[in-house]
């Protein structure tokens, strides 16, 4: 069943979150033995990034982020400086199974990529992301990210009156356009984004400016790469006698391109390297799993009209569990779930036995939120 796919890709290609290049910075050392790592397009700010010149202005939102004043080409400049989140930071732990653990270098590189691609401008609205300058490393090993502070903008949560109404309308438009900018989709997971992670301002002509900040938990999807992967997974599913088009655009699962089954399988591959992902998405593994879910749903559904809904519900349940298993064990977990699906005929029985299987595998985010110093 033919379906329309987006073919454009992110300009320059999108690095995987856990495969970002270790290069890309110019290293300088100050007389105080502080290392400055500057992005190539921000070398001119070398003097401003030297912490000896910083004057504290105050903390922003939390002790993790502070504003400092410095000097650039004889003029004052404000910088936003961020430290790493603490190990028990609520936001960090809540996202631990969605985003890989990365360091300051990788976060700055990701922010630079988003700054380059999250760009929009028309007669009424300008959208951009904060500009990263680089990061600093102190003699004791502490590292901090450094960004240029945008002037003339404030948090949306601080607005009132007409500005508040205009900001809400601008955010609605922003949410629509960020679905495809330069071949990328930007997905913001922070539930408080409108209040805390979007800044509002006005241009000289009265147009609105929105500035995205703190992009650590912004997911960037290369739409062209996603389309290519969806095609490959759909072909695999069709090779085992399953028609993925029958489940496209069903409201049970919200997907990016409408290809529910393929995208659900791809989502279950997060944090897996290319070899493990290919093994997981093979006909013998993912194909067999999907066919087993299909057969189970036909047995478990109360009537024929509920089969598709039952299928997507069961598939989502199994693949959500898959994504929480460490990558090295995920394919084996899927194989055991395939066997269980063939043996059960009700959702209650499936859930009961699935819990027993899950208990035998190591989880990315174990119950209780402890990470057990796991690495991948």
Protein backbone atom coordinates (compact mmCIF):
# COMPACT_ATOMS: atom_id res chain seq x y z
CA UNK A 1 0.00 0.00 0.00
CA UNK A 2 1.74 3.17 -1.19
CA UNK A 3 1.92 6.11 1.18
CA UNK A 4 3.52 9.54 0.91
CA UNK A 5 6.81 10.02 2.74
CA UNK A 6 8.97 13.07 3.40
CA UNK A 7 12.23 12.82 1.46
CA UNK A 8 14.06 15.93 2.62
CA UNK A 9 16.90 15.43 5.10
CA UNK A 10 18.54 17.71 7.63
CA UNK A 11 21.01 19.98 5.92
CA UNK A 12 24.48 18.55 6.53
CA UNK A 13 23.11 15.40 8.13
CA UNK A 14 22.04 14.81 11.70
CA UNK A 15 24.45 13.12 14.12
CA UNK A 16 22.90 10.54 16.43
CA UNK A 17 22.65 11.80 20.05
CA UNK A 18 25.15 9.21 21.25
CA UNK A 19 27.44 9.39 18.20
CA UNK A 20 28.29 13.09 18.06
CA UNK A 21 31.83 13.88 16.89
CA UNK A 22 34.42 14.48 19.57
CA UNK A 23 35.91 17.34 17.53
CA UNK A 24 34.56 20.68 16.46
CA UNK A 25 36.10 23.02 19.06
CA UNK A 26 39.07 25.36 19.21
CA UNK A 27 40.95 24.96 22.51
CA UNK A 28 42.51 27.90 24.34
CA UNK A 29 44.14 28.01 27.79
CA UNK A 30 43.99 31.10 30.02
CA UNK A 31 46.77 32.25 32.39
CA UNK A 32 44.67 30.81 35.23
CA UNK A 33 44.86 27.39 33.51
CA UNK A 34 41.18 27.41 32.56
CA UNK A 35 40.54 25.62 29.27
CA UNK A 36 38.22 27.34 26.82
CA UNK A 37 36.61 25.21 24.10
CA UNK A 38 35.13 27.54 21.49
CA UNK A 39 32.91 26.66 18.56
CA UNK A 40 34.56 27.67 15.26
CA UNK A 41 31.99 30.41 14.57
CA UNK A 42 32.41 31.87 18.08
CA UNK A 43 36.19 32.26 18.33
CA UNK A 44 35.76 36.05 18.41
CA UNK A 45 34.23 35.65 21.89
CA UNK A 46 37.42 34.16 23.36
CA UNK A 47 37.97 37.13 25.64
CA UNK A 48 34.40 37.20 26.87
CA UNK A 49 34.40 33.49 27.72
CA UNK A 50 37.39 33.81 30.10
CA UNK A 51 35.78 33.32 33.56
CA UNK A 52 38.20 35.80 35.17
CA UNK A 53 36.25 38.56 33.39
CA UNK A 54 32.82 37.39 34.51
CA UNK A 55 30.70 39.44 36.86
CA UNK A 56 27.77 37.57 38.36
CA UNK A 57 24.35 38.99 37.54
CA UNK A 58 22.29 36.25 39.17
CA UNK A 59 20.92 32.75 38.92
CA UNK A 60 18.18 31.93 36.41
CA UNK A 61 15.52 29.29 37.24
CA UNK A 62 17.89 27.19 39.38
CA UNK A 63 21.47 27.04 40.70
CA UNK A 64 22.28 25.16 37.49
CA UNK A 65 21.98 28.25 35.25
CA UNK A 66 23.35 31.71 35.94
CA UNK A 67 23.78 34.94 34.02
CA UNK A 68 27.14 36.67 34.00
CA UNK A 69 28.36 39.93 32.53
CA UNK A 70 31.54 40.06 30.48
CA UNK A 71 33.19 42.20 27.79
CA UNK A 72 33.43 41.69 24.03
CA UNK A 73 35.32 44.12 21.77
CA UNK A 74 35.18 46.78 24.45
CA UNK A 75 31.43 46.42 24.92
CA UNK A 76 29.48 44.67 27.67
CA UNK A 77 27.97 41.29 26.82
CA UNK A 78 25.78 38.94 28.86
CA UNK A 79 26.36 35.19 28.91
CA UNK A 80 24.25 32.29 30.16
CA UNK A 81 26.37 29.68 31.95
CA UNK A 82 25.04 26.19 32.71
CA UNK A 83 26.44 23.41 34.83
CA UNK A 84 25.65 19.72 34.46
CA UNK A 85 22.48 18.52 36.15
CA UNK A 86 22.95 16.75 39.48
CA UNK A 87 22.62 12.96 39.50
CA UNK A 88 19.26 13.15 41.29
CA UNK A 89 17.89 16.05 39.22
CA UNK A 90 14.20 15.33 38.64
CA UNK A 91 14.30 16.30 34.96
CA UNK A 92 17.45 14.27 34.33
CA UNK A 93 16.04 11.10 35.89
CA UNK A 94 12.69 11.45 34.16
CA UNK A 95 14.38 11.58 30.74
CA UNK A 96 17.01 8.91 31.43
CA UNK A 97 15.25 6.28 29.29
CA UNK A 98 14.65 8.67 26.35
CA UNK A 99 18.00 10.40 25.97
CA UNK A 100 21.51 8.96 26.35
CA UNK A 101 23.78 10.34 29.04
CA UNK A 102 26.07 12.84 27.30
CA UNK A 103 28.59 15.36 28.51
CA UNK A 104 28.96 19.12 28.21
CA UNK A 105 30.77 18.87 24.86
CA UNK A 106 27.96 16.89 23.24
CA UNK A 107 25.24 19.16 24.65
CA UNK A 108 26.95 22.24 23.22
CA UNK A 109 27.36 20.56 19.83
CA UNK A 110 23.70 19.61 19.81
CA UNK A 111 22.74 23.18 20.75
CA UNK A 112 24.89 24.46 17.87
CA UNK A 113 23.09 22.14 15.45
CA UNK A 114 19.70 23.32 16.70
CA UNK A 115 20.81 26.97 16.52
CA UNK A 116 21.69 26.45 12.85
CA UNK A 117 18.49 24.63 11.86
CA UNK A 118 15.74 25.97 14.12
CA UNK A 119 15.41 29.18 12.09
CA UNK A 120 12.23 30.77 10.75
CA UNK A 121 11.35 34.29 9.66
CA UNK A 122 8.30 35.89 8.03
CA UNK A 123 6.49 39.21 8.19
CA UNK A 124 4.99 38.43 11.61
CA UNK A 125 7.27 35.95 13.38
CA UNK A 126 10.97 35.26 13.89
CA UNK A 127 12.07 32.00 15.52
CA UNK A 128 15.59 31.11 16.57
CA UNK A 129 17.45 29.12 19.20
CA UNK A 130 20.01 30.50 21.63
CA UNK A 131 23.57 30.65 20.33
CA UNK A 132 26.16 28.47 22.09
CA UNK A 133 29.69 29.84 22.31
CA UNK A 134 31.41 26.76 23.73
CA UNK A 135 32.30 25.51 27.17
CA UNK A 136 34.94 26.00 29.86
CA UNK A 137 36.84 23.46 31.93
CA UNK A 138 38.32 24.55 35.26
CA UNK A 139 41.50 23.08 36.79
CA UNK A 140 39.40 20.95 39.19
CA UNK A 141 37.60 19.30 36.21
CA UNK A 142 34.30 21.19 36.50
CA UNK A 143 32.82 22.04 33.08
CA UNK A 144 30.22 24.66 32.18
CA UNK A 145 28.34 25.43 28.96
CA UNK A 146 28.40 29.02 27.72
CA UNK A 147 25.71 30.71 25.59
CA UNK A 148 25.11 34.27 24.42
CA UNK A 149 22.17 35.80 26.25
CA UNK A 150 19.48 37.21 23.96
CA UNK A 151 18.53 40.78 24.82
CA UNK A 152 15.03 42.24 24.72
CA UNK A 153 13.29 38.93 25.40
CA UNK A 154 11.63 37.51 28.53
CA UNK A 155 10.12 34.22 29.62
CA UNK A 156 6.57 33.73 28.41
CA UNK A 157 5.58 32.87 31.96
CA UNK A 158 6.37 36.45 32.99
CA UNK A 159 4.05 38.02 30.41
CA UNK A 160 0.58 39.43 30.91
CA UNK A 161 -2.16 41.20 28.97
CA UNK A 162 -1.84 41.52 25.18
CA UNK A 163 1.73 40.24 25.18
CA UNK A 164 0.54 37.03 26.80
CA UNK A 165 -2.19 36.55 24.18
CA UNK A 166 0.20 37.33 21.32
CA UNK A 167 2.75 34.91 22.73
CA UNK A 168 0.21 32.08 22.87
CA UNK A 169 -0.72 32.67 19.22
CA UNK A 170 2.97 32.74 18.25
CA UNK A 171 3.66 29.51 20.14
CA UNK A 172 0.80 27.81 18.30
CA UNK A 173 2.40 28.80 14.98
CA UNK A 174 5.84 27.78 16.25
CA UNK A 175 4.55 24.32 17.15
CA UNK A 176 3.30 23.91 13.59
CA UNK A 177 6.38 25.12 11.70
CA UNK A 178 8.95 23.25 13.81
CA UNK A 179 7.51 20.03 12.38
CA UNK A 180 9.67 20.52 9.28
CA UNK A 181 12.42 23.10 9.19
CA UNK A 182 15.31 22.37 6.81
CA UNK A 183 14.34 18.71 6.80
CA UNK A 184 14.27 18.46 10.61
CA UNK A 185 11.49 18.02 13.12
CA UNK A 186 12.06 19.51 16.57
CA UNK A 187 10.24 17.76 19.41
CA UNK A 188 10.30 19.52 22.77
CA UNK A 189 9.68 17.18 25.67
CA UNK A 190 9.76 19.77 28.45
CA UNK A 191 6.13 20.13 29.56
CA UNK A 192 6.88 23.62 30.88
CA UNK A 193 8.49 24.78 27.65
CA UNK A 194 6.09 27.63 26.96
CA UNK A 195 6.68 29.07 30.41
CA UNK A 196 10.40 28.42 30.87
CA UNK A 197 12.16 27.38 27.67
CA UNK A 198 10.71 29.88 25.17
CA UNK A 199 11.52 33.58 25.37
CA UNK A 200 9.28 36.30 23.90
CA UNK A 201 10.20 39.62 22.37
CA UNK A 202 9.18 42.08 19.65
CA UNK A 203 11.00 43.23 16.54
CA UNK A 204 11.28 46.90 15.66
CA UNK A 205 8.44 46.45 13.16
CA UNK A 206 6.16 44.94 15.81
CA UNK A 207 6.67 41.34 14.73
CA UNK A 208 7.13 38.70 17.40
CA UNK A 209 10.41 36.97 18.30
CA UNK A 210 10.53 33.54 19.94
CA UNK A 211 13.85 32.20 21.23
CA UNK A 212 14.23 28.52 22.20
CA UNK A 213 16.64 27.96 25.09
CA UNK A 214 17.95 24.96 27.04
CA UNK A 215 17.74 22.34 24.27
CA UNK A 216 19.20 19.41 26.21
CA UNK A 217 15.94 17.47 25.98
CA UNK A 218 14.84 18.62 22.53
CA UNK A 219 14.69 15.67 20.16
CA UNK A 220 15.72 16.37 16.57
CA UNK A 221 14.37 14.02 13.90
CA UNK A 222 15.92 13.85 10.43
CA UNK A 223 12.75 13.43 8.35
CA UNK A 224 14.57 12.06 5.32
CA UNK A 225 16.39 9.48 7.41
CA UNK A 226 13.13 8.53 9.12
CA UNK A 227 11.41 8.09 5.74
CA UNK A 228 14.19 5.79 4.53
CA UNK A 229 14.01 3.68 7.69
CA UNK A 230 10.21 3.48 7.53
CA UNK A 231 10.38 2.19 3.95
CA UNK A 232 12.87 -0.47 4.96
CA UNK A 233 10.80 -1.61 7.95
CA UNK A 234 7.59 -1.62 5.87
CA UNK A 235 9.29 -3.80 3.28
CA UNK A 236 10.40 -6.20 5.98
CA UNK A 237 6.87 -6.39 7.41
CA UNK A 238 5.37 -7.02 3.98
CA UNK A 239 7.90 -9.84 3.45
CA UNK A 240 6.39 -11.72 6.42
CA UNK A 241 2.83 -11.24 5.19
CA UNK A 242 1.86 -8.19 7.25
CA UNK A 243 0.34 -5.06 5.66
CA UNK A 244 1.50 -2.05 7.75
CA UNK A 245 -0.69 0.28 5.69
CA UNK A 246 -3.78 -1.17 7.39
CA UNK A 247 -2.66 0.51 10.62
CA UNK A 248 -1.46 3.87 9.30
CA UNK A 249 -2.83 7.02 10.97
CA UNK A 250 -4.79 5.15 13.63
CA UNK A 251 -5.33 7.42 16.67
CA UNK A 252 -4.12 4.74 19.10
CA UNK A 253 -0.51 5.73 18.54
CA UNK A 254 0.72 9.20 17.59
CA UNK A 255 3.44 8.92 14.95
CA UNK A 256 5.41 11.49 12.99
CA UNK A 257 4.68 10.30 9.45
CA UNK A 258 1.49 8.31 10.13
CA UNK A 259 3.31 4.98 9.69
CA UNK A 260 2.31 3.66 13.09
CA UNK A 261 3.77 0.16 13.10
CA UNK A 262 7.13 1.01 11.50
CA UNK A 263 7.66 4.06 13.71
CA UNK A 264 6.68 2.14 16.83
CA UNK A 265 9.33 -0.46 16.00
CA UNK A 266 11.91 2.23 15.30
CA UNK A 267 11.14 4.00 18.58
CA UNK A 268 11.92 0.75 20.40
CA UNK A 269 15.47 0.94 19.01
CA UNK A 270 16.55 4.02 20.95
CA UNK A 271 20.14 3.87 22.23
CA UNK A 272 20.89 0.85 20.03
CA UNK A 273 23.86 0.97 17.65
CA UNK A 274 23.42 0.17 13.94
CA UNK A 275 24.24 -3.52 14.27
CA UNK A 276 21.87 -4.12 17.19
CA UNK A 277 19.13 -2.09 15.49
CA UNK A 278 19.40 -4.15 12.29
CA UNK A 279 19.18 -7.36 14.32
CA UNK A 280 16.16 -6.10 16.24
CA UNK A 281 14.34 -4.98 13.07
CA UNK A 282 14.93 -8.23 11.17
CA UNK A 283 12.10 -10.41 9.84
CA UNK A 284 13.06 -13.16 12.30
CA UNK A 285 12.73 -10.81 15.26
CA UNK A 286 10.53 -7.72 14.68
CA UNK A 287 8.62 -9.43 11.86
CA UNK A 288 7.85 -12.46 14.00
CA UNK A 289 6.90 -10.23 16.94
CA UNK A 290 4.43 -8.20 14.88
CA UNK A 291 2.82 -11.34 13.44
CA UNK A 292 2.53 -12.78 16.95
CA UNK A 293 0.86 -9.58 18.19
CA UNK A 294 -1.53 -9.70 15.23
CA UNK A 295 -2.56 -13.29 15.98
CA UNK A 296 -2.88 -12.57 19.71
CA UNK A 297 -5.09 -9.53 19.05
CA UNK A 298 -7.44 -11.55 16.88
CA UNK A 299 -7.86 -14.00 19.74
CA UNK A 300 -8.10 -11.40 22.50
CA UNK A 301 -10.39 -8.81 20.84
CA UNK A 302 -14.01 -8.96 21.97
CA UNK A 303 -15.26 -8.40 18.44
CA UNK A 304 -13.77 -7.96 14.98
CA UNK A 305 -14.17 -4.18 15.00
CA UNK A 306 -11.73 -3.96 17.92
CA UNK A 307 -8.90 -6.03 16.41
CA UNK A 308 -6.88 -3.09 15.07
CA UNK A 309 -7.20 -1.15 18.30
CA UNK A 310 -6.24 -4.24 20.29
CA UNK A 311 -3.27 -4.80 17.98
CA UNK A 312 -1.85 -1.29 18.38
CA UNK A 313 -2.43 -1.39 22.12
CA UNK A 314 -0.65 -4.73 22.53
CA UNK A 315 2.19 -3.76 20.18
CA UNK A 316 2.73 -0.45 21.99
CA UNK A 317 2.78 -2.23 25.34
CA UNK A 318 5.37 -4.78 24.22
CA UNK A 319 7.59 -2.26 22.44
CA UNK A 320 7.48 0.20 25.34
CA UNK A 321 8.76 -2.61 27.53
CA UNK A 322 11.41 -3.42 24.89
CA UNK A 323 12.70 0.15 24.91
CA UNK A 324 13.25 -0.04 28.67
CA UNK A 325 15.51 -3.09 28.36
CA UNK A 326 19.23 -2.45 27.93
CA UNK A 327 20.15 -2.58 24.20
CA UNK A 328 22.32 -5.70 24.49
CA UNK A 329 19.36 -7.77 25.79
CA UNK A 330 16.51 -6.20 23.83
CA UNK A 331 16.34 -8.63 20.91
CA UNK A 332 16.30 -11.62 23.25
CA UNK A 333 13.50 -9.98 25.25
CA UNK A 334 11.49 -9.49 22.04
CA UNK A 335 12.01 -13.15 21.14
CA UNK A 336 10.66 -14.29 24.50
CA UNK A 337 7.69 -11.94 24.16
CA UNK A 338 6.95 -13.40 20.71
CA UNK A 339 6.75 -16.86 22.26
CA UNK A 340 4.54 -15.58 25.10
CA UNK A 341 2.13 -13.91 22.67
CA UNK A 342 1.69 -17.22 20.87
CA UNK A 343 0.80 -18.93 24.15
CA UNK A 344 -1.69 -16.41 25.59
CA UNK A 345 -5.23 -15.55 24.55
CA UNK A 346 -6.18 -12.66 26.85
CA UNK A 347 -4.69 -9.31 27.81
CA UNK A 348 -4.82 -10.19 31.51
CA UNK A 349 -2.82 -13.36 30.96
CA UNK A 350 -0.34 -11.51 28.74
CA UNK A 351 0.33 -8.76 31.29
CA UNK A 352 0.76 -11.26 34.12
CA UNK A 353 3.30 -13.40 32.29
CA UNK A 354 5.05 -10.41 30.71
CA UNK A 355 5.97 -9.14 34.18
CA UNK A 356 7.74 -12.41 34.91
CA UNK A 357 9.78 -12.11 31.71
CA UNK A 358 10.70 -8.47 32.35
CA UNK A 359 12.05 -9.39 35.78
CA UNK A 360 14.77 -11.49 34.14
CA UNK A 361 16.18 -8.61 32.10
CA UNK A 362 18.24 -5.57 33.01
CA UNK A 363 16.42 -2.28 32.57
CA UNK A 364 17.75 1.10 31.45
CA UNK A 365 15.68 2.75 34.14
CA UNK A 366 15.13 0.18 36.90
CA UNK A 367 12.12 0.51 39.18
CA UNK A 368 12.87 3.21 41.74
CA UNK A 369 14.79 5.36 39.27
CA UNK A 370 18.28 4.04 40.05
CA UNK A 371 20.58 3.71 37.04
CA UNK A 372 23.00 1.25 38.70
CA UNK A 373 25.95 2.92 36.93
CA UNK A 374 24.93 1.23 33.68
CA UNK A 375 26.80 2.17 30.54
CA UNK A 376 26.07 1.52 26.89
